[in-house]
Amino acid sequence: QLQLVESGGGLVQAGGSLRLSCAASGSPFKIGTMGWYRQTPGKERDFVASITSGGSTKYVDSVKGRFTISRDNAKNTVYLQMNRLKPEDTDVYYCNVRIIISDYWGQGTQVTVSS
């Protein structure tokens, strides 16, 4: 059974940086696209960034130039380097992994950016 373990959230001042990690384990199949979403309680979960197994990346416009997504295929781990953080980046961040046609989600990690 696939397990996703997230780490790296926390409290940071505006302008600071955080690095999120999400390690996947337990899948007998190749992991496809990996990504990050974020969600404010009571609102929809929004796309932040994704990376294919070949390394192609996508970002939501609001984080372009500030966030960088990367992955280590040997470790089945995806990272989100977040720089120049803003208070509006405050959210719960969720790792997403696609395997064949199924989506799997991490438990979520809180990112809080103080002004």
N, C-alpha and C. Protein backbone atom coordinates (compact mmCIF):
# COMPACT_ATOMS: atom_id res chain seq x y z
N GLN A 1 0.84 -1.19 0.00
CA GLN A 1 0.00 0.00 0.00
C GLN A 1 0.87 1.24 0.00
N LEU A 2 0.53 2.19 -0.87
CA LEU A 2 1.33 3.40 -1.00
C LEU A 2 1.23 4.27 0.24
N GLN A 3 2.38 4.76 0.68
CA GLN A 3 2.42 5.72 1.77
C GLN A 3 3.13 6.98 1.32
N LEU A 4 2.60 8.12 1.69
CA LEU A 4 3.22 9.41 1.40
C LEU A 4 3.49 10.11 2.71
N VAL A 5 4.74 10.48 2.93
CA VAL A 5 5.11 11.15 4.17
C VAL A 5 5.68 12.51 3.83
N GLU A 6 4.98 13.54 4.31
CA GLU A 6 5.39 14.92 4.06
C GLU A 6 6.17 15.47 5.24
N SER A 7 7.04 16.41 4.95
CA SER A 7 7.76 17.11 6.00
C SER A 7 8.20 18.47 5.49
N GLY A 8 8.57 19.35 6.43
CA GLY A 8 9.17 20.61 6.05
C GLY A 8 8.33 21.85 6.25
N GLY A 9 7.08 21.70 6.65
CA GLY A 9 6.28 22.89 6.88
C GLY A 9 6.72 23.62 8.14
N GLY A 10 6.09 24.77 8.38
CA GLY A 10 6.42 25.51 9.59
C GLY A 10 6.02 26.96 9.48
N LEU A 11 6.56 27.74 10.41
CA LEU A 11 6.29 29.17 10.49
C LEU A 11 7.52 29.94 10.03
N VAL A 12 7.31 30.89 9.14
CA VAL A 12 8.41 31.67 8.62
C VAL A 12 7.94 33.11 8.39
N GLN A 13 8.85 34.05 8.48
CA GLN A 13 8.51 35.44 8.20
C GLN A 13 8.43 35.68 6.70
N ALA A 14 7.67 36.66 6.33
CA ALA A 14 7.58 37.03 4.92
C ALA A 14 8.98 37.30 4.37
N GLY A 15 9.21 36.79 3.16
CA GLY A 15 10.52 36.90 2.55
C GLY A 15 11.42 35.72 2.81
N GLY A 16 11.01 34.86 3.73
CA GLY A 16 11.82 33.71 4.08
C GLY A 16 11.60 32.53 3.15
N SER A 17 12.20 31.41 3.52
CA SER A 17 12.16 30.21 2.68
C SER A 17 11.80 28.98 3.51
N LEU A 18 11.19 28.03 2.83
CA LEU A 18 10.93 26.71 3.40
C LEU A 18 11.08 25.68 2.28
N ARG A 19 11.41 24.47 2.67
CA ARG A 19 11.50 23.37 1.71
C ARG A 19 10.63 22.22 2.18
N LEU A 20 9.67 21.87 1.36
CA LEU A 20 8.80 20.74 1.65
C LEU A 20 9.32 19.49 0.96
N SER A 21 9.13 18.36 1.63
CA SER A 21 9.50 17.06 1.05
C SER A 21 8.34 16.10 1.16
N CYS A 22 8.26 15.19 0.21
CA CYS A 22 7.22 14.16 0.25
C CYS A 22 7.83 12.87 -0.30
N ALA A 23 7.92 11.88 0.56
CA ALA A 23 8.51 10.60 0.19
C ALA A 23 7.42 9.55 0.00
N ALA A 24 7.45 8.90 -1.14
CA ALA A 24 6.48 7.84 -1.44
C ALA A 24 7.13 6.48 -1.28
N SER A 25 6.38 5.56 -0.70
CA SER A 25 6.89 4.20 -0.54
C SER A 25 5.75 3.19 -0.64
N GLY A 26 6.10 1.98 -0.99
CA GLY A 26 5.12 0.90 -0.99
C GLY A 26 4.41 0.64 -2.29
N SER A 27 4.76 1.37 -3.36
CA SER A 27 4.07 1.13 -4.64
C SER A 27 4.84 0.13 -5.49
N PRO A 28 4.14 -0.87 -6.02
CA PRO A 28 4.82 -1.81 -6.93
C PRO A 28 4.91 -1.27 -8.35
N PHE A 29 4.29 -0.13 -8.59
CA PHE A 29 4.25 0.46 -9.92
C PHE A 29 5.07 1.74 -9.99
N LYS A 30 5.45 2.10 -11.22
CA LYS A 30 6.23 3.32 -11.40
C LYS A 30 5.39 4.54 -11.05
N ILE A 31 6.01 5.48 -10.36
CA ILE A 31 5.32 6.71 -9.97
C ILE A 31 5.37 7.69 -11.13
N GLY A 32 4.24 8.25 -11.45
CA GLY A 32 4.16 9.21 -12.54
C GLY A 32 4.37 10.62 -12.03
N THR A 33 3.48 11.51 -12.43
CA THR A 33 3.59 12.91 -12.05
C THR A 33 3.43 13.07 -10.54
N MET A 34 4.28 13.92 -9.98
CA MET A 34 4.21 14.27 -8.56
C MET A 34 3.96 15.77 -8.46
N GLY A 35 3.25 16.17 -7.44
CA GLY A 35 2.94 17.59 -7.37
C GLY A 35 2.57 18.04 -5.98
N TRP A 36 2.32 19.34 -5.88
CA TRP A 36 1.91 19.97 -4.63
C TRP A 36 0.66 20.80 -4.86
N TYR A 37 -0.23 20.71 -3.91
CA TYR A 37 -1.45 21.51 -3.88
C TYR A 37 -1.52 22.20 -2.52
N ARG A 38 -2.37 23.20 -2.43
CA ARG A 38 -2.56 23.84 -1.13
C ARG A 38 -4.03 24.16 -0.93
N GLN A 39 -4.39 24.24 0.36
CA GLN A 39 -5.80 24.39 0.68
C GLN A 39 -5.98 25.19 1.96
N THR A 40 -6.89 26.15 1.89
CA THR A 40 -7.36 26.86 3.08
C THR A 40 -8.63 26.16 3.55
N PRO A 41 -8.76 25.93 4.85
CA PRO A 41 -9.97 25.27 5.35
C PRO A 41 -11.24 25.92 4.82
N GLY A 42 -12.14 25.09 4.28
CA GLY A 42 -13.39 25.60 3.76
C GLY A 42 -13.34 25.98 2.29
N LYS A 43 -12.16 25.88 1.70
CA LYS A 43 -12.02 26.23 0.29
C LYS A 43 -11.50 25.03 -0.49
N GLU A 44 -11.52 25.16 -1.81
CA GLU A 44 -11.04 24.07 -2.66
C GLU A 44 -9.52 23.94 -2.58
N ARG A 45 -9.06 22.75 -2.88
CA ARG A 45 -7.62 22.51 -2.93
C ARG A 45 -7.11 23.02 -4.28
N ASP A 46 -6.08 23.83 -4.25
CA ASP A 46 -5.57 24.48 -5.45
C ASP A 46 -4.22 23.92 -5.87
N PHE A 47 -4.04 23.83 -7.17
CA PHE A 47 -2.77 23.37 -7.73
C PHE A 47 -1.67 24.40 -7.47
N VAL A 48 -0.49 23.91 -7.12
CA VAL A 48 0.67 24.77 -6.93
C VAL A 48 1.75 24.48 -7.98
N ALA A 49 2.17 23.22 -8.05
CA ALA A 49 3.24 22.85 -8.97
C ALA A 49 3.21 21.35 -9.19
N SER A 50 3.77 20.93 -10.34
CA SER A 50 3.87 19.50 -10.63
C SER A 50 5.13 19.23 -11.43
N ILE A 51 5.55 17.97 -11.39
CA ILE A 51 6.72 17.55 -12.14
C ILE A 51 6.50 16.13 -12.62
N THR A 52 6.77 15.90 -13.91
CA THR A 52 6.61 14.57 -14.46
C THR A 52 7.82 13.71 -14.13
N SER A 53 7.73 12.44 -14.43
CA SER A 53 8.87 11.55 -14.17
C SER A 53 10.06 11.93 -15.05
N GLY A 54 9.80 12.62 -16.14
CA GLY A 54 10.87 13.07 -17.02
C GLY A 54 11.43 14.43 -16.66
N GLY A 55 10.80 15.08 -15.68
CA GLY A 55 11.33 16.35 -15.20
C GLY A 55 10.63 17.60 -15.72
N SER A 56 9.58 17.45 -16.49
CA SER A 56 8.85 18.62 -16.95
C SER A 56 8.03 19.20 -15.81
N THR A 57 8.07 20.52 -15.68
CA THR A 57 7.41 21.18 -14.54
C THR A 57 6.32 22.14 -14.98
N LYS A 58 5.37 22.34 -14.08
CA LYS A 58 4.32 23.34 -14.24
C LYS A 58 4.13 24.04 -12.91
N TYR A 59 3.75 25.32 -12.98
CA TYR A 59 3.52 26.12 -11.78
C TYR A 59 2.27 26.98 -11.95
N VAL A 60 1.60 27.22 -10.86
CA VAL A 60 0.56 28.24 -10.89
C VAL A 60 1.26 29.59 -10.98
N ASP A 61 0.63 30.54 -11.65
CA ASP A 61 1.27 31.82 -11.93
C ASP A 61 1.76 32.52 -10.66
N SER A 62 1.02 32.40 -9.57
CA SER A 62 1.34 33.15 -8.36
C SER A 62 2.65 32.72 -7.69
N VAL A 63 3.18 31.56 -8.05
CA VAL A 63 4.42 31.10 -7.42
C VAL A 63 5.59 31.06 -8.40
N LYS A 64 5.35 31.32 -9.66
CA LYS A 64 6.44 31.28 -10.64
C LYS A 64 7.55 32.25 -10.26
N GLY A 65 8.78 31.77 -10.33
CA GLY A 65 9.92 32.60 -9.97
C GLY A 65 10.24 32.57 -8.48
N ARG A 66 9.36 32.02 -7.68
CA ARG A 66 9.60 31.94 -6.23
C ARG A 66 9.71 30.49 -5.75
N PHE A 67 8.92 29.60 -6.30
CA PHE A 67 8.91 28.20 -5.90
C PHE A 67 9.58 27.35 -6.97
N THR A 68 10.26 26.29 -6.54
CA THR A 68 10.88 25.34 -7.46
C THR A 68 10.53 23.92 -7.03
N ILE A 69 9.95 23.17 -7.95
CA ILE A 69 9.63 21.77 -7.67
C ILE A 69 10.72 20.89 -8.28
N SER A 70 11.08 19.84 -7.57
CA SER A 70 12.09 18.90 -8.07
C SER A 70 11.76 17.52 -7.52
N ARG A 71 12.41 16.51 -8.06
CA ARG A 71 12.16 15.17 -7.57
C ARG A 71 13.42 14.32 -7.69
N ASP A 72 13.49 13.33 -6.83
CA ASP A 72 14.55 12.33 -6.86
C ASP A 72 13.87 11.00 -7.15
N ASN A 73 13.97 10.55 -8.39
CA ASN A 73 13.26 9.32 -8.77
C ASN A 73 13.78 8.10 -8.04
N ALA A 74 15.05 8.09 -7.71
CA ALA A 74 15.62 6.94 -7.00
C ALA A 74 15.04 6.83 -5.59
N LYS A 75 14.67 7.96 -5.01
CA LYS A 75 14.11 7.98 -3.66
C LYS A 75 12.60 8.13 -3.66
N ASN A 76 11.99 8.25 -4.86
CA ASN A 76 10.54 8.49 -4.96
C ASN A 76 10.12 9.66 -4.08
N THR A 77 10.87 10.72 -4.16
CA THR A 77 10.64 11.89 -3.31
C THR A 77 10.50 13.13 -4.17
N VAL A 78 9.54 13.96 -3.80
CA VAL A 78 9.35 15.23 -4.48
C VAL A 78 9.57 16.35 -3.47
N TYR A 79 10.14 17.45 -3.95
CA TYR A 79 10.47 18.58 -3.10
C TYR A 79 9.79 19.84 -3.63
N LEU A 80 9.55 20.77 -2.73
CA LEU A 80 9.08 22.09 -3.13
C LEU A 80 9.90 23.12 -2.37
N GLN A 81 10.80 23.77 -3.08
CA GLN A 81 11.59 24.84 -2.48
C GLN A 81 10.81 26.14 -2.63
N MET A 82 10.49 26.74 -1.52
CA MET A 82 9.66 27.95 -1.52
C MET A 82 10.49 29.12 -1.02
N ASN A 83 10.75 30.07 -1.89
CA ASN A 83 11.52 31.27 -1.55
C ASN A 83 10.64 32.50 -1.62
N ARG A 84 11.11 33.57 -1.01
CA ARG A 84 10.38 34.86 -1.02
C ARG A 84 8.92 34.63 -0.66
N LEU A 85 8.72 33.92 0.42
CA LEU A 85 7.36 33.59 0.83
C LEU A 85 6.58 34.83 1.22
N LYS A 86 5.28 34.77 0.94
CA LYS A 86 4.36 35.86 1.23
C LYS A 86 3.27 35.37 2.19
N PRO A 87 2.67 36.28 2.93
CA PRO A 87 1.57 35.85 3.83
C PRO A 87 0.47 35.09 3.09
N GLU A 88 0.22 35.45 1.85
CA GLU A 88 -0.83 34.76 1.08
C GLU A 88 -0.45 33.34 0.69
N ASP A 89 0.79 32.94 0.94
CA ASP A 89 1.19 31.54 0.72
C ASP A 89 0.80 30.66 1.91
N THR A 90 0.30 31.25 2.97
CA THR A 90 -0.12 30.48 4.14
C THR A 90 -1.25 29.53 3.77
N ASP A 91 -1.06 28.25 4.06
CA ASP A 91 -2.02 27.22 3.70
C ASP A 91 -1.53 25.88 4.23
N VAL A 92 -2.37 24.88 4.07
CA VAL A 92 -1.93 23.51 4.25
C VAL A 92 -1.51 22.98 2.88
N TYR A 93 -0.31 22.48 2.80
CA TYR A 93 0.23 21.99 1.53
C TYR A 93 0.14 20.46 1.49
N TYR A 94 -0.36 19.96 0.37
CA TYR A 94 -0.55 18.53 0.18
C TYR A 94 0.27 18.02 -0.99
N CYS A 95 0.95 16.93 -0.76
CA CYS A 95 1.66 16.24 -1.82
C CYS A 95 0.67 15.38 -2.60
N ASN A 96 0.84 15.32 -3.91
CA ASN A 96 0.00 14.48 -4.77
C ASN A 96 0.89 13.62 -5.66
N VAL A 97 0.52 12.36 -5.76
CA VAL A 97 1.28 11.41 -6.58
C VAL A 97 0.30 10.66 -7.47
N ARG A 98 0.63 10.57 -8.73
CA ARG A 98 -0.22 9.80 -9.66
C ARG A 98 0.49 8.50 -10.03
N ILE A 99 -0.23 7.41 -9.87
CA ILE A 99 0.28 6.11 -10.28
C ILE A 99 -0.77 5.50 -11.20
N ILE A 100 -0.38 5.35 -12.46
CA ILE A 100 -1.27 4.89 -13.53
C ILE A 100 -2.43 5.88 -13.62
N ILE A 101 -3.61 5.54 -13.16
CA ILE A 101 -4.73 6.49 -13.25
C ILE A 101 -5.24 6.91 -11.88
N SER A 102 -4.53 6.52 -10.83
CA SER A 102 -4.98 6.84 -9.47
C SER A 102 -4.15 7.97 -8.87
N ASP A 103 -4.81 8.80 -8.08
CA ASP A 103 -4.16 9.89 -7.36
C ASP A 103 -4.10 9.57 -5.87
N TYR A 104 -2.96 9.88 -5.30
CA TYR A 104 -2.76 9.67 -3.87
C TYR A 104 -2.33 10.97 -3.24
N TRP A 105 -2.72 11.17 -1.96
CA TRP A 105 -2.47 12.43 -1.27
C TRP A 105 -1.71 12.20 0.03
N GLY A 106 -0.82 13.14 0.32
CA GLY A 106 -0.17 13.14 1.61
C GLY A 106 -1.09 13.67 2.68
N GLN A 107 -0.59 13.67 3.90
CA GLN A 107 -1.42 14.06 5.04
C GLN A 107 -1.54 15.56 5.20
N GLY A 108 -0.72 16.30 4.49
CA GLY A 108 -0.76 17.76 4.58
C GLY A 108 0.23 18.29 5.60
N THR A 109 0.82 19.42 5.26
CA THR A 109 1.74 20.08 6.17
C THR A 109 1.45 21.58 6.16
N GLN A 110 1.39 22.16 7.35
CA GLN A 110 1.01 23.57 7.47
C GLN A 110 2.19 24.47 7.17
N VAL A 111 1.94 25.45 6.33
CA VAL A 111 2.91 26.51 6.06
C VAL A 111 2.26 27.83 6.48
N THR A 112 2.92 28.54 7.38
CA THR A 112 2.40 29.81 7.86
C THR A 112 3.46 30.89 7.65
N VAL A 113 3.07 31.94 6.93
CA VAL A 113 3.99 33.03 6.65
C VAL A 113 3.46 34.28 7.36
N SER A 114 4.25 34.78 8.28
CA SER A 114 3.85 35.96 9.05
C SER A 114 4.32 37.24 8.36
N SER A 115 3.54 38.28 8.50
CA SER A 115 3.89 39.55 7.85
C SER A 115 4.76 40.42 8.74
